[in-house]
Amino acid sequence: MKNLVVIGFIGSYLFSLLGVYSLVNGYDHAAKLMALGALCYATFLIKAILEISNSKNEGVNKFIWILGLIFMGSIVGFLYIIAGRKRFVQNA
């Protein structure tokens, strides 16, 4: 599925925010929503790392993107979806 990266990224934020909102308001299924958000983020992270590692770009460029995704996932993930993904998918 081509858009699994985008769906995973958006789903992780959507379910995580709904989970936090539910937790604050005392709803019963807040933990399930937050776990679903974590699962979506894990899907995004694994698929994005696989896309980066399978591309034909230089090793340093791949390494920087992967480190950024692991340590600063939200910011770099957004930048990867907006700007970087096109280059990696085209060079695969």
Protein backbone atom coordinates (compact mmCIF):
# COMPACT_ATOMS: atom_id res chain seq x y z
CA MET A 1 0.00 0.00 0.00
CA LYS A 2 1.57 3.26 -1.17
CA ASN A 3 -0.10 5.57 1.31
CA LEU A 4 0.54 3.46 4.41
CA VAL A 5 3.16 5.96 5.57
CA VAL A 6 0.77 8.90 5.37
CA ILE A 7 -2.14 6.95 6.88
CA GLY A 8 0.05 5.73 9.73
CA PHE A 9 1.35 9.22 10.48
CA ILE A 10 -2.08 10.86 10.45
CA GLY A 11 -3.64 7.95 12.34
CA SER A 12 -1.02 8.13 15.05
CA TYR A 13 -1.78 11.78 15.74
CA LEU A 14 -5.52 11.35 15.46
CA PHE A 15 -5.76 8.37 17.81
CA SER A 16 -3.21 9.77 20.25
CA LEU A 17 -5.04 13.09 20.53
CA LEU A 18 -8.38 11.34 20.90
CA GLY A 19 -6.84 9.10 23.56
CA VAL A 20 -5.48 12.03 25.54
CA TYR A 21 -8.80 13.86 25.25
CA SER A 22 -10.62 10.75 26.44
CA LEU A 23 -8.20 10.29 29.32
CA VAL A 24 -8.64 13.87 30.49
CA ASN A 25 -12.42 13.57 30.35
CA GLY A 26 -12.45 10.21 32.10
CA TYR A 27 -13.79 8.04 29.28
CA ASP A 28 -13.34 4.28 29.51
CA HIS A 29 -11.49 3.49 26.30
CA ALA A 30 -8.72 6.09 26.48
CA ALA A 31 -5.93 3.54 26.84
CA LYS A 32 -7.16 1.62 23.79
CA LEU A 33 -7.14 4.76 21.67
CA MET A 34 -3.64 5.66 22.80
CA ALA A 35 -2.43 2.11 22.10
CA LEU A 36 -3.95 2.33 18.64
CA GLY A 37 -2.10 5.60 18.13
CA ALA A 38 1.17 3.95 19.17
CA LEU A 39 0.50 1.07 16.77
CA CYS A 40 -0.14 3.51 13.92
CA TYR A 41 3.08 5.35 14.75
CA ALA A 42 5.04 2.10 14.80
CA THR A 43 3.59 1.24 11.39
CA PHE A 44 4.59 4.67 10.07
CA LEU A 45 8.09 4.41 11.51
CA ILE A 46 8.79 0.92 10.16
CA LYS A 47 7.41 1.68 6.70
CA ALA A 48 9.28 5.01 6.47
CA ILE A 49 12.58 3.41 7.52
CA LEU A 50 12.06 0.65 4.96
CA GLU A 51 11.40 3.23 2.22
CA ILE A 52 14.51 5.17 3.17
CA SER A 53 16.77 2.14 3.40
CA ASN A 54 15.56 0.75 0.04
CA SER A 55 16.22 3.98 -1.86
CA LYS A 56 19.33 4.60 -3.95
CA ASN A 57 20.35 7.78 -2.11
CA GLU A 58 23.73 8.14 -0.43
CA GLY A 59 24.42 6.42 2.88
CA VAL A 60 24.86 9.60 4.92
CA ASN A 61 21.56 11.01 3.71
CA LYS A 62 19.77 7.79 4.65
CA PHE A 63 21.47 7.69 8.02
CA ILE A 64 20.48 11.26 8.90
CA TRP A 65 16.82 10.68 7.97
CA ILE A 66 16.64 7.43 9.94
CA LEU A 67 18.25 9.00 13.02
CA GLY A 68 15.90 11.95 12.76
CA LEU A 69 12.87 9.66 12.54
CA ILE A 70 13.96 7.66 15.56
CA PHE A 71 14.95 10.53 17.86
CA MET A 72 12.72 13.41 16.68
CA GLY A 73 9.87 11.44 15.16
CA SER A 74 7.12 14.02 15.10
CA ILE A 75 9.02 16.88 13.50
CA VAL A 76 11.10 14.80 11.11
CA GLY A 77 8.12 12.60 10.30
CA PHE A 78 6.14 15.64 9.22
CA LEU A 79 9.06 16.88 7.13
CA TYR A 80 9.49 13.43 5.59
CA ILE A 81 5.82 13.32 4.56
CA ILE A 82 5.87 16.89 3.17
CA ALA A 83 9.28 17.14 1.50
CA GLY A 84 11.56 14.13 1.71
CA ARG A 85 9.36 11.22 0.75
CA LYS A 86 9.08 12.21 -2.91
CA ARG A 87 12.86 11.98 -3.35
CA PHE A 88 13.15 8.62 -1.64
CA VAL A 89 10.23 7.04 -3.49
CA GLN A 90 11.52 8.31 -6.85
CA ASN A 91 15.02 6.92 -6.18
CA ALA A 92 13.82 3.51 -5.04
